[in-house]
PDB file of all heavy atoms in Angstrom:
ATOM      1  N   PRO A   1     -89.992 173.998  22.575  1.00  0.00           N
ATOM      2  CA  PRO A   1     -89.126 174.961  23.249  1.00  0.00           C
ATOM      3  C   PRO A   1     -89.503 176.390  22.904  1.00  0.00           C
ATOM      4  O   PRO A   1     -90.072 176.652  21.838  1.00  0.00           O
ATOM      5  CB  PRO A   1     -87.732 174.650  22.601  1.00  0.00           C
ATOM      6  CG  PRO A   1     -88.002 173.990  21.301  1.00  0.00           C
ATOM      7  CD  PRO A   1     -89.262 173.248  21.472  1.00  0.00           C
ATOM      8  N   LEU A   2     -89.261 177.324  23.877  1.00  0.00           N
ATOM      9  CA  LEU A   2     -89.635 178.717  23.595  1.00  0.00           C
ATOM     10  C   LEU A   2     -88.486 179.360  22.874  1.00  0.00           C
ATOM     11  O   LEU A   2     -87.260 179.229  23.244  1.00  0.00           O
ATOM     12  CB  LEU A   2     -89.770 179.441  24.962  1.00  0.00           C
ATOM     13  CG  LEU A   2     -90.984 179.136  25.786  1.00  0.00           C
ATOM     14  CD1 LEU A   2     -91.012 179.963  27.069  1.00  0.00           C
ATOM     15  CD2 LEU A   2     -92.288 179.433  25.020  1.00  0.00           C
ATOM     16  N   PRO A   3     -88.763 180.067  21.747  1.00  0.00           N
ATOM     17  CA  PRO A   3     -87.730 180.792  20.993  1.00  0.00           C
ATOM     18  C   PRO A   3     -87.054 181.859  21.988  1.00  0.00           C
ATOM     19  O   PRO A   3     -87.746 182.321  22.916  1.00  0.00           O
ATOM     20  CB  PRO A   3     -88.486 181.446  19.877  1.00  0.00           C
ATOM     21  CG  PRO A   3     -89.740 180.705  19.787  1.00  0.00           C
ATOM     22  CD  PRO A   3     -90.098 180.192  21.128  1.00  0.00           C
ATOM     23  N   ASP A   4     -85.841 182.132  21.703  1.00  0.00           N
ATOM     24  CA  ASP A   4     -85.092 183.129  22.585  1.00  0.00           C
ATOM     25  C   ASP A   4     -85.811 184.459  22.697  1.00  0.00           C
ATOM     26  O   ASP A   4     -85.835 185.008  23.843  1.00  0.00           O
ATOM     27  CB  ASP A   4     -83.689 183.270  22.079  1.00  0.00           C
ATOM     28  CG  ASP A   4     -82.828 182.053  22.257  1.00  0.00           C
ATOM     29  OD1 ASP A   4     -83.201 181.127  23.010  1.00  0.00           O
ATOM     30  OD2 ASP A   4     -81.763 181.945  21.629  1.00  0.00           O
ATOM     31  N   ASP A   5     -86.366 184.902  21.622  1.00  0.00           N
ATOM     32  CA  ASP A   5     -86.949 186.213  21.676  1.00  0.00           C
ATOM     33  C   ASP A   5     -88.230 186.191  22.518  1.00  0.00           C
ATOM     34  O   ASP A   5     -88.533 187.152  23.315  1.00  0.00           O
ATOM     35  CB  ASP A   5     -87.232 186.790  20.286  1.00  0.00           C
ATOM     36  CG  ASP A   5     -88.188 185.861  19.451  1.00  0.00           C
ATOM     37  OD1 ASP A   5     -88.374 184.665  19.785  1.00  0.00           O
ATOM     38  OD2 ASP A   5     -88.778 186.409  18.474  1.00  0.00           O
ATOM     39  N   LEU A   6     -89.093 185.158  22.425  1.00  0.00           N
ATOM     40  CA  LEU A   6     -90.295 185.066  23.172  1.00  0.00           C
ATOM     41  C   LEU A   6     -89.922 184.887  24.688  1.00  0.00           C
ATOM     42  O   LEU A   6     -90.568 185.455  25.538  1.00  0.00           O
ATOM     43  CB  LEU A   6     -91.162 183.938  22.730  1.00  0.00           C
ATOM     44  CG  LEU A   6     -92.487 183.751  23.480  1.00  0.00           C
ATOM     45  CD1 LEU A   6     -93.321 185.004  23.537  1.00  0.00           C
ATOM     46  CD2 LEU A   6     -93.300 182.608  22.852  1.00  0.00           C
ATOM     47  N   ARG A   7     -88.943 184.015  24.903  1.00  0.00           N
ATOM     48  CA  ARG A   7     -88.514 183.825  26.293  1.00  0.00           C
ATOM     49  C   ARG A   7     -88.072 185.157  26.913  1.00  0.00           C
ATOM     50  O   ARG A   7     -88.391 185.420  28.082  1.00  0.00           O
ATOM     51  CB  ARG A   7     -87.366 182.816  26.352  1.00  0.00           C
ATOM     52  CG  ARG A   7     -86.879 182.499  27.749  1.00  0.00           C
ATOM     53  CD  ARG A   7     -85.697 181.512  27.786  1.00  0.00           C
ATOM     54  NE  ARG A   7     -85.371 181.228  29.131  1.00  0.00           N
ATOM     55  CZ  ARG A   7     -84.611 181.975  29.907  1.00  0.00           C
ATOM     56  NH1 ARG A   7     -84.115 183.101  29.419  1.00  0.00           N
ATOM     57  NH2 ARG A   7     -84.365 181.629  31.148  1.00  0.00           N
ATOM     58  N   ALA A   8     -87.332 185.958  26.223  1.00  0.00           N
ATOM     59  CA  ALA A   8     -86.870 187.281  26.679  1.00  0.00           C
ATOM     60  C   ALA A   8     -88.058 188.184  26.920  1.00  0.00           C
ATOM     61  O   ALA A   8     -88.102 188.904  27.959  1.00  0.00           O
ATOM     62  CB  ALA A   8     -85.916 187.885  25.705  1.00  0.00           C
ATOM     63  N   GLN A   9     -89.057 188.169  26.065  1.00  0.00           N
ATOM     64  CA  GLN A   9     -90.265 188.982  26.244  1.00  0.00           C
ATOM     65  C   GLN A   9     -91.033 188.596  27.541  1.00  0.00           C
ATOM     66  O   GLN A   9     -91.477 189.430  28.298  1.00  0.00           O
ATOM     67  CB  GLN A   9     -91.173 188.847  25.067  1.00  0.00           C
ATOM     68  CG  GLN A   9     -90.637 189.464  23.760  1.00  0.00           C
ATOM     69  CD  GLN A   9     -91.452 189.018  22.541  1.00  0.00           C
ATOM     70  OE1 GLN A   9     -92.702 188.892  22.657  1.00  0.00           O
ATOM     71  NE2 GLN A   9     -90.836 188.795  21.411  1.00  0.00           N
ATOM     72  N   LEU A  10     -91.131 187.249  27.722  1.00  0.00           N
ATOM     73  CA  LEU A  10     -91.886 186.764  28.888  1.00  0.00           C
ATOM     74  C   LEU A  10     -91.159 187.078  30.171  1.00  0.00           C
ATOM     75  O   LEU A  10     -91.771 187.475  31.184  1.00  0.00           O
ATOM     76  CB  LEU A  10     -92.168 185.271  28.758  1.00  0.00           C
ATOM     77  CG  LEU A  10     -93.101 184.851  27.639  1.00  0.00           C
ATOM     78  CD1 LEU A  10     -93.109 183.377  27.422  1.00  0.00           C
ATOM     79  CD2 LEU A  10     -94.561 185.352  27.934  1.00  0.00           C
ATOM     80  N   LEU A  11     -89.858 186.900  30.144  1.00  0.00           N
ATOM     81  CA  LEU A  11     -89.098 187.248  31.316  1.00  0.00           C
ATOM     82  C   LEU A  11     -89.157 188.710  31.662  1.00  0.00           C
ATOM     83  O   LEU A  11     -89.285 189.127  32.851  1.00  0.00           O
ATOM     84  CB  LEU A  11     -87.609 186.822  31.058  1.00  0.00           C
ATOM     85  CG  LEU A  11     -86.660 186.998  32.254  1.00  0.00           C
ATOM     86  CD1 LEU A  11     -87.144 186.159  33.437  1.00  0.00           C
ATOM     87  CD2 LEU A  11     -85.229 186.621  31.855  1.00  0.00           C
ATOM     88  N   ALA A  12     -89.120 189.556  30.620  1.00  0.00           N
ATOM     89  CA  ALA A  12     -89.212 191.018  30.864  1.00  0.00           C
ATOM     90  C   ALA A  12     -90.592 191.387  31.504  1.00  0.00           C
ATOM     91  O   ALA A  12     -90.669 192.343  32.283  1.00  0.00           O
ATOM     92  CB  ALA A  12     -89.024 191.796  29.573  1.00  0.00           C
ATOM     93  N   LEU A  13     -91.616 190.693  31.157  1.00  0.00           N
ATOM     94  CA  LEU A  13     -92.931 190.993  31.700  1.00  0.00           C
ATOM     95  C   LEU A  13     -93.071 190.549  33.167  1.00  0.00           C
ATOM     96  O   LEU A  13     -94.090 190.876  33.789  1.00  0.00           O
ATOM     97  CB  LEU A  13     -94.054 190.199  30.913  1.00  0.00           C
ATOM     98  CG  LEU A  13     -94.305 190.789  29.496  1.00  0.00           C
ATOM     99  CD1 LEU A  13     -95.086 189.835  28.669  1.00  0.00           C
ATOM    100  CD2 LEU A  13     -95.003 192.141  29.590  1.00  0.00           C
ATOM    101  N   CYS A  14     -92.056 189.836  33.693  1.00  0.00           N
ATOM    102  CA  CYS A  14     -92.103 189.487  35.147  1.00  0.00           C
ATOM    103  C   CYS A  14     -91.809 190.622  36.070  1.00  0.00           C
ATOM    104  O   CYS A  14     -91.904 190.518  37.263  1.00  0.00           O
ATOM    105  CB  CYS A  14     -91.158 188.296  35.432  1.00  0.00           C
ATOM    106  SG  CYS A  14     -91.695 186.749  34.599  1.00  0.00           S
ATOM    107  N   THR A  15     -91.320 191.737  35.468  1.00  0.00           N
ATOM    108  CA  THR A  15     -91.079 192.994  36.238  1.00  0.00           C
ATOM    109  C   THR A  15     -91.714 194.127  35.492  1.00  0.00           C
ATOM    110  O   THR A  15     -92.046 194.071  34.288  1.00  0.00           O
ATOM    111  CB  THR A  15     -89.588 193.269  36.400  1.00  0.00           C
ATOM    112  OG1 THR A  15     -88.942 193.225  35.060  1.00  0.00           O
ATOM    113  CG2 THR A  15     -88.889 192.194  37.238  1.00  0.00           C
ATOM    114  N   SER A  16     -92.012 195.194  36.179  1.00  0.00           N
ATOM    115  CA  SER A  16     -92.634 196.388  35.660  1.00  0.00           C
ATOM    116  C   SER A  16     -91.830 196.992  34.542  1.00  0.00           C
ATOM    117  O   SER A  16     -90.633 197.026  34.569  1.00  0.00           O
ATOM    118  CB  SER A  16     -92.950 197.442  36.730  1.00  0.00           C
ATOM    119  OG  SER A  16     -93.786 196.938  37.666  1.00  0.00           O
ATOM    120  N   GLY A  17     -92.586 197.508  33.462  1.00  0.00           N
ATOM    121  CA  GLY A  17     -91.865 198.156  32.385  1.00  0.00           C
ATOM    122  C   GLY A  17     -92.876 198.929  31.503  1.00  0.00           C
ATOM    123  O   GLY A  17     -94.053 198.908  31.808  1.00  0.00           O
ATOM    124  N   PRO A  18     -92.367 199.626  30.496  1.00  0.00           N
ATOM    125  CA  PRO A  18     -93.285 200.430  29.676  1.00  0.00           C
ATOM    126  C   PRO A  18     -94.201 199.593  28.773  1.00  0.00           C
ATOM    127  O   PRO A  18     -93.852 198.431  28.353  1.00  0.00           O
ATOM    128  CB  PRO A  18     -92.284 201.251  28.810  1.00  0.00           C
ATOM    129  CG  PRO A  18     -91.043 200.371  28.778  1.00  0.00           C
ATOM    130  CD  PRO A  18     -90.970 199.684  30.106  1.00  0.00           C
ATOM    131  N   ASP A  19     -95.372 200.083  28.528  1.00  0.00           N
ATOM    132  CA  ASP A  19     -96.324 199.517  27.542  1.00  0.00           C
ATOM    133  C   ASP A  19     -96.590 198.061  27.821  1.00  0.00           C
ATOM    134  O   ASP A  19     -96.651 197.230  26.925  1.00  0.00           O
ATOM    135  CB  ASP A  19     -95.773 199.713  26.118  1.00  0.00           C
ATOM    136  CG  ASP A  19     -96.861 199.564  25.037  1.00  0.00           C
ATOM    137  OD1 ASP A  19     -98.027 199.799  25.394  1.00  0.00           O
ATOM    138  OD2 ASP A  19     -96.484 199.263  23.937  1.00  0.00           O
ATOM    139  N   GLU A  20     -96.812 197.716  29.112  1.00  0.00           N
ATOM    140  CA  GLU A  20     -96.950 196.357  29.478  1.00  0.00           C
ATOM    141  C   GLU A  20     -98.170 195.641  28.923  1.00  0.00           C
ATOM    142  O   GLU A  20     -98.162 194.490  28.593  1.00  0.00           O
ATOM    143  CB  GLU A  20     -96.965 196.196  31.033  1.00  0.00           C
ATOM    144  CG  GLU A  20     -95.620 196.412  31.697  1.00  0.00           C
ATOM    145  CD  GLU A  20     -95.755 196.336  33.174  1.00  0.00           C
ATOM    146  OE1 GLU A  20     -96.332 197.281  33.835  1.00  0.00           O
ATOM    147  OE2 GLU A  20     -95.321 195.268  33.751  1.00  0.00           O
ATOM    148  N   ILE A  21     -99.251 196.399  28.761  1.00  0.00           N
ATOM    149  CA  ILE A  21    -100.470 195.772  28.307  1.00  0.00           C
ATOM    150  C   ILE A  21    -100.334 195.292  26.862  1.00  0.00           C
ATOM    151  O   ILE A  21    -100.676 194.135  26.497  1.00  0.00           O
ATOM    152  CB  ILE A  21    -101.672 196.782  28.364  1.00  0.00           C
ATOM    153  CG1 ILE A  21    -101.999 197.076  29.835  1.00  0.00           C
ATOM    154  CG2 ILE A  21    -102.901 196.215  27.653  1.00  0.00           C
ATOM    155  CD1 ILE A  21    -103.075 198.128  30.057  1.00  0.00           C
ATOM    156  N   THR A  22     -99.735 196.139  25.990  1.00  0.00           N
ATOM    157  CA  THR A  22     -99.501 195.722  24.593  1.00  0.00           C
ATOM    158  C   THR A  22     -98.493 194.625  24.513  1.00  0.00           C
ATOM    159  O   THR A  22     -98.701 193.599  23.809  1.00  0.00           O
ATOM    160  CB  THR A  22     -99.078 196.908  23.749  1.00  0.00           C
ATOM    161  OG1 THR A  22    -100.078 197.934  23.763  1.00  0.00           O
ATOM    162  CG2 THR A  22     -98.725 196.470  22.331  1.00  0.00           C
ATOM    163  N   ARG A  23     -97.429 194.703  25.224  1.00  0.00           N
ATOM    164  CA  ARG A  23     -96.402 193.648  25.197  1.00  0.00           C
ATOM    165  C   ARG A  23     -96.890 192.369  25.743  1.00  0.00           C
ATOM    166  O   ARG A  23     -96.598 191.323  25.212  1.00  0.00           O
ATOM    167  CB  ARG A  23     -95.120 194.116  25.998  1.00  0.00           C
ATOM    168  CG  ARG A  23     -94.338 195.266  25.393  1.00  0.00           C
ATOM    169  CD  ARG A  23     -93.055 195.502  26.068  1.00  0.00           C
ATOM    170  NE  ARG A  23     -93.170 195.947  27.392  1.00  0.00           N
ATOM    171  CZ  ARG A  23     -92.721 195.299  28.473  1.00  0.00           C
ATOM    172  NH1 ARG A  23     -92.174 194.107  28.316  1.00  0.00           N
ATOM    173  NH2 ARG A  23     -92.886 195.755  29.724  1.00  0.00           N
ATOM    174  N   SER A  24     -97.698 192.401  26.787  1.00  0.00           N
ATOM    175  CA  SER A  24     -98.337 191.230  27.296  1.00  0.00           C
ATOM    176  C   SER A  24     -99.226 190.514  26.277  1.00  0.00           C
ATOM    177  O   SER A  24     -99.209 189.274  26.120  1.00  0.00           O
ATOM    178  CB  SER A  24     -99.036 191.531  28.599  1.00  0.00           C
ATOM    179  OG  SER A  24     -99.709 190.355  29.098  1.00  0.00           O
ATOM    180  N   ALA A  25    -100.099 191.306  25.626  1.00  0.00           N
ATOM    181  CA  ALA A  25    -101.063 190.759  24.704  1.00  0.00           C
ATOM    182  C   ALA A  25    -100.352 190.103  23.561  1.00  0.00           C
ATOM    183  O   ALA A  25    -100.679 188.980  23.087  1.00  0.00           O
ATOM    184  CB  ALA A  25    -101.983 191.844  24.224  1.00  0.00           C
ATOM    185  N   LEU A  26     -99.281 190.735  23.032  1.00  0.00           N
ATOM    186  CA  LEU A  26     -98.594 190.174  21.894  1.00  0.00           C
ATOM    187  C   LEU A  26     -97.790 188.899  22.320  1.00  0.00           C
ATOM    188  O   LEU A  26     -97.740 187.890  21.567  1.00  0.00           O
ATOM    189  CB  LEU A  26     -97.601 191.236  21.340  1.00  0.00           C
ATOM    190  CG  LEU A  26     -98.247 192.443  20.669  1.00  0.00           C
ATOM    191  CD1 LEU A  26     -97.192 193.468  20.276  1.00  0.00           C
ATOM    192  CD2 LEU A  26     -99.054 192.056  19.481  1.00  0.00           C
ATOM    193  N   ALA A  27     -97.181 188.921  23.460  1.00  0.00           N
ATOM    194  CA  ALA A  27     -96.442 187.755  23.971  1.00  0.00           C
ATOM    195  C   ALA A  27     -97.363 186.575  24.224  1.00  0.00           C
ATOM    196  O   ALA A  27     -97.030 185.418  23.846  1.00  0.00           O
ATOM    197  CB  ALA A  27     -95.655 188.109  25.226  1.00  0.00           C
ATOM    198  N   GLU A  28     -98.531 186.849  24.778  1.00  0.00           N
ATOM    199  CA  GLU A  28     -99.407 185.661  25.036  1.00  0.00           C
ATOM    200  C   GLU A  28     -99.991 185.099  23.752  1.00  0.00           C
ATOM    201  O   GLU A  28    -100.111 183.910  23.691  1.00  0.00           O
ATOM    202  CB  GLU A  28    -100.526 186.071  25.993  1.00  0.00           C
ATOM    203  CG  GLU A  28    -101.683 186.845  25.507  1.00  0.00           C
ATOM    204  CD  GLU A  28    -102.877 186.877  26.469  1.00  0.00           C
ATOM    205  OE1 GLU A  28    -102.947 185.970  27.350  1.00  0.00           O
ATOM    206  OE2 GLU A  28    -103.656 187.769  26.391  1.00  0.00           O
ATOM    207  N   ASN A  29    -100.178 185.901  22.707  1.00  0.00           N
ATOM    208  CA  ASN A  29    -100.684 185.356  21.457  1.00  0.00           C
ATOM    209  C   ASN A  29     -99.590 184.566  20.798  1.00  0.00           C
ATOM    210  O   ASN A  29     -99.897 183.504  20.121  1.00  0.00           O
ATOM    211  CB  ASN A  29    -101.179 186.515  20.543  1.00  0.00           C
ATOM    212  CG  ASN A  29    -102.550 187.053  21.041  1.00  0.00           C
ATOM    213  OD1 ASN A  29    -103.228 186.499  21.876  1.00  0.00           O
ATOM    214  ND2 ASN A  29    -102.942 188.155  20.381  1.00  0.00           N
ATOM    215  N   ALA A  30     -98.339 185.006  20.900  1.00  0.00           N
ATOM    216  CA  ALA A  30     -97.264 184.201  20.381  1.00  0.00           C
ATOM    217  C   ALA A  30     -97.075 182.857  21.132  1.00  0.00           C
ATOM    218  O   ALA A  30     -96.884 181.819  20.549  1.00  0.00           O
ATOM    219  CB  ALA A  30     -95.892 185.011  20.447  1.00  0.00           C
ATOM    220  N   TRP A  31     -97.260 182.920  22.459  1.00  0.00           N
ATOM    221  CA  TRP A  31     -97.199 181.693  23.248  1.00  0.00           C
ATOM    222  C   TRP A  31     -98.343 180.799  22.837  1.00  0.00           C
ATOM    223  O   TRP A  31     -98.067 179.543  22.701  1.00  0.00           O
ATOM    224  CB  TRP A  31     -97.354 182.103  24.725  1.00  0.00           C
ATOM    225  CG  TRP A  31     -97.203 180.968  25.740  1.00  0.00           C
ATOM    226  CD1 TRP A  31     -96.126 180.615  26.397  1.00  0.00           C
ATOM    227  CD2 TRP A  31     -98.228 180.104  26.149  1.00  0.00           C
ATOM    228  NE1 TRP A  31     -96.324 179.536  27.186  1.00  0.00           N
ATOM    229  CE2 TRP A  31     -97.653 179.203  27.067  1.00  0.00           C
ATOM    230  CE3 TRP A  31     -99.609 179.973  25.890  1.00  0.00           C
ATOM    231  CZ2 TRP A  31     -98.417 178.193  27.743  1.00  0.00           C
ATOM    232  CZ3 TRP A  31    -100.363 178.972  26.478  1.00  0.00           C
ATOM    233  CH2 TRP A  31     -99.748 178.117  27.386  1.00  0.00           C
ATOM    234  N   VAL A  32     -99.525 181.286  22.713  1.00  0.00           N
ATOM    235  CA  VAL A  32    -100.699 180.419  22.314  1.00  0.00           C
ATOM    236  C   VAL A  32    -100.480 179.827  20.946  1.00  0.00           C
ATOM    237  O   VAL A  32    -100.785 178.582  20.687  1.00  0.00           O
ATOM    238  CB  VAL A  32    -101.993 181.264  22.321  1.00  0.00           C
ATOM    239  CG1 VAL A  32    -103.140 180.450  21.700  1.00  0.00           C
ATOM    240  CG2 VAL A  32    -102.341 181.582  23.731  1.00  0.00           C
TER     241      VAL A  32
END
């Protein structure tokens, strides 16, 4: 299962927002 915080991060990345490159890199490493 995805932890609530990671799920929220991934959901937020589905729409435009600030500092997306860093947030995306950190979220994908947590997912991996």
